[in-house]
């Protein structure tokens, strides 16, 4: 069972019904955090199996278990929109009936570590299914994915 409390240093999803905004301090340098969020094999460990490449214009997919409650077939169709090595990764995120979102990871050096920001934007505040998706994904980002990234970073050699 996933612990519903945010990991230490993570902020909450917030009240903006169109977005999820989170951040977490990671006690590792930006180059190491960048590797964890852009290496396809490592990404598969904390997010989903994929055919990702950190190249603008690259189209790729994530695959996972379907979720019928929100009309999700288990395939997320994405495109890399922006890459600034060790600083920013922005992708489009399309899946389910009406999901057409943008997910951005920003890395900022902080002391001897990195603050990782996540912005998942484009949820329709008036669509009950999208709001359910926002709640599910907000919880997943906060309690599952950030924790998994931290664990992977702890296991990676410098």
Protein backbone atom coordinates (compact mmCIF):
# COMPACT_ATOMS: atom_id res chain seq x y z
CA UNK A 1 0.00 0.00 0.00
CA UNK A 2 1.30 3.46 -0.91
CA UNK A 3 1.91 5.86 1.95
CA UNK A 4 -0.44 8.84 1.37
CA UNK A 5 1.94 11.35 2.93
CA UNK A 6 4.32 13.24 0.65
CA UNK A 7 7.97 12.26 0.88
CA UNK A 8 10.17 14.65 2.90
CA UNK A 9 10.77 17.84 0.91
CA UNK A 10 7.83 17.34 -1.51
CA UNK A 11 5.06 19.90 -1.80
CA UNK A 12 1.37 19.07 -2.21
CA UNK A 13 -0.56 18.98 -5.50
CA UNK A 14 -2.31 22.30 -4.76
CA UNK A 15 -5.68 23.87 -5.50
CA UNK A 16 -5.22 24.67 -9.21
CA UNK A 17 -7.72 22.29 -10.83
CA UNK A 18 -5.99 22.54 -14.22
CA UNK A 19 -2.54 21.49 -13.01
CA UNK A 20 -0.37 19.50 -10.67
CA UNK A 21 2.67 21.35 -9.33
CA UNK A 22 5.12 19.48 -7.13
CA UNK A 23 8.72 19.74 -6.13
CA UNK A 24 11.14 17.70 -4.09
CA UNK A 25 14.70 18.15 -2.92
CA UNK A 26 16.97 15.28 -3.93
CA UNK A 27 20.39 14.93 -2.28
CA UNK A 28 22.13 14.29 -5.61
CA UNK A 29 23.71 16.56 -8.25
CA UNK A 30 21.68 17.66 -11.30
CA UNK A 31 23.64 15.40 -13.69
CA UNK A 32 22.65 12.32 -11.70
CA UNK A 33 19.00 13.42 -11.38
CA UNK A 34 18.93 14.14 -15.12
CA UNK A 35 20.16 10.62 -15.83
CA UNK A 36 17.40 9.14 -13.64
CA UNK A 37 14.65 11.07 -15.41
CA UNK A 38 15.91 10.66 -18.99
CA UNK A 39 17.51 7.20 -19.21
CA UNK A 40 14.74 4.96 -20.65
CA UNK A 41 15.69 1.96 -18.51
CA UNK A 42 15.78 4.01 -15.31
CA UNK A 43 12.58 5.83 -16.32
CA UNK A 44 10.86 2.46 -16.72
CA UNK A 45 11.71 1.70 -13.08
CA UNK A 46 10.06 4.84 -11.66
CA UNK A 47 7.38 5.58 -14.25
CA UNK A 48 6.51 3.14 -17.05
CA UNK A 49 8.15 1.06 -19.79
CA UNK A 50 8.91 3.37 -22.70
CA UNK A 51 10.85 4.08 -25.87
CA UNK A 52 11.93 7.56 -24.75
CA UNK A 53 14.87 9.55 -26.16
CA UNK A 54 15.68 13.06 -24.90
CA UNK A 55 15.50 14.55 -28.40
CA UNK A 56 13.08 17.35 -29.34
CA UNK A 57 10.42 15.99 -31.71
CA UNK A 58 10.90 12.35 -30.67
CA UNK A 59 7.53 10.59 -30.40
CA UNK A 60 7.35 7.79 -27.86
CA UNK A 61 4.97 5.82 -25.70
CA UNK A 62 4.66 4.76 -22.10
CA UNK A 63 2.77 1.53 -21.47
CA UNK A 64 1.03 0.44 -18.29
CA UNK A 65 -2.10 -1.19 -16.93
CA UNK A 66 -5.35 0.17 -18.45
CA UNK A 67 -7.73 2.08 -16.15
CA UNK A 68 -11.28 1.74 -17.46
CA UNK A 69 -12.71 4.15 -14.85
CA UNK A 70 -11.02 7.06 -16.65
CA UNK A 71 -11.11 5.65 -20.21
CA UNK A 72 -7.37 4.91 -20.27
CA UNK A 73 -6.17 2.04 -22.50
CA UNK A 74 -2.74 1.80 -20.87
CA UNK A 75 -0.85 3.66 -23.61
CA UNK A 76 0.41 7.21 -23.17
CA UNK A 77 1.40 8.81 -26.47
CA UNK A 78 4.04 11.49 -26.01
CA UNK A 79 6.35 13.83 -27.86
CA UNK A 80 9.46 15.54 -26.54
CA UNK A 81 8.76 19.29 -26.73
CA UNK A 82 11.81 20.82 -25.07
CA UNK A 83 15.14 19.62 -23.70
CA UNK A 84 17.75 21.66 -21.86
CA UNK A 85 20.30 19.14 -20.61
CA UNK A 86 20.36 18.83 -16.82
CA UNK A 87 17.80 21.67 -16.51
CA UNK A 88 14.47 20.99 -18.25
CA UNK A 89 12.46 18.27 -19.95
CA UNK A 90 8.98 19.01 -21.37
CA UNK A 91 6.79 16.44 -23.08
CA UNK A 92 3.25 16.23 -24.42
CA UNK A 93 1.15 13.54 -22.72
CA UNK A 94 -1.88 12.07 -24.51
CA UNK A 95 -3.86 9.12 -23.27
CA UNK A 96 -7.41 8.12 -22.43
CA UNK A 97 -10.47 9.82 -23.85
CA UNK A 98 -9.51 13.48 -23.60
CA UNK A 99 -6.05 13.66 -22.03
CA UNK A 100 -3.96 16.26 -23.81
CA UNK A 101 -1.52 17.45 -21.20
CA UNK A 102 2.00 18.78 -20.85
CA UNK A 103 4.45 17.41 -18.29
CA UNK A 104 7.55 19.40 -17.41
CA UNK A 105 10.45 18.46 -15.16
CA UNK A 106 12.76 21.28 -14.09
CA UNK A 107 16.01 20.75 -12.21
CA UNK A 108 17.55 23.49 -10.09
CA UNK A 109 20.82 23.06 -8.20
CA UNK A 110 20.26 23.55 -4.47
CA UNK A 111 23.22 23.29 -2.12
CA UNK A 112 24.84 19.91 -2.76
CA UNK A 113 21.67 18.50 -4.32
CA UNK A 114 18.89 19.27 -6.78
CA UNK A 115 15.34 20.51 -6.45
CA UNK A 116 13.17 18.63 -8.96
CA UNK A 117 10.01 20.44 -10.02
CA UNK A 118 7.13 18.73 -11.79
CA UNK A 119 4.37 20.61 -13.62
CA UNK A 120 1.60 18.45 -15.11
CA UNK A 121 -0.73 20.89 -16.88
CA UNK A 122 -3.85 20.98 -19.01
CA UNK A 123 -6.54 19.26 -16.90
CA UNK A 124 -10.09 20.48 -17.59
CA UNK A 125 -11.50 21.81 -14.28
CA UNK A 126 -15.07 21.13 -15.51
CA UNK A 127 -14.52 17.51 -16.59
CA UNK A 128 -15.14 14.99 -13.79
CA UNK A 129 -13.04 12.29 -15.48
CA UNK A 130 -10.08 14.63 -15.89
CA UNK A 131 -10.39 15.73 -12.27
CA UNK A 132 -10.37 12.08 -11.19
CA UNK A 133 -7.26 11.60 -13.34
CA UNK A 134 -5.68 14.68 -11.73
CA UNK A 135 -6.29 13.30 -8.23
CA UNK A 136 -4.97 9.84 -9.13
CA UNK A 137 -1.92 11.19 -10.95
CA UNK A 138 -1.19 13.86 -8.35
CA UNK A 139 -1.07 11.19 -5.67
CA UNK A 140 1.02 8.93 -7.88
CA UNK A 141 3.58 11.61 -8.71
CA UNK A 142 3.86 12.66 -5.07
CA UNK A 143 3.92 9.37 -3.20
CA UNK A 144 5.07 6.88 -5.81
CA UNK A 145 7.25 8.41 -8.49
CA UNK A 146 9.22 10.92 -6.43
CA UNK A 147 9.99 8.18 -3.89
CA UNK A 148 11.04 5.78 -6.65
CA UNK A 149 13.32 8.40 -8.24
CA UNK A 150 14.96 9.01 -4.84
CA UNK A 151 15.50 5.27 -4.38
CA UNK A 152 17.04 4.89 -7.85
CA UNK A 153 19.34 7.86 -7.21
CA UNK A 154 20.52 6.30 -3.95
CA UNK A 155 21.37 3.08 -5.83
CA UNK A 156 23.19 4.73 -8.77
CA UNK A 157 26.96 5.19 -8.59
CA UNK A 158 28.18 8.77 -8.82
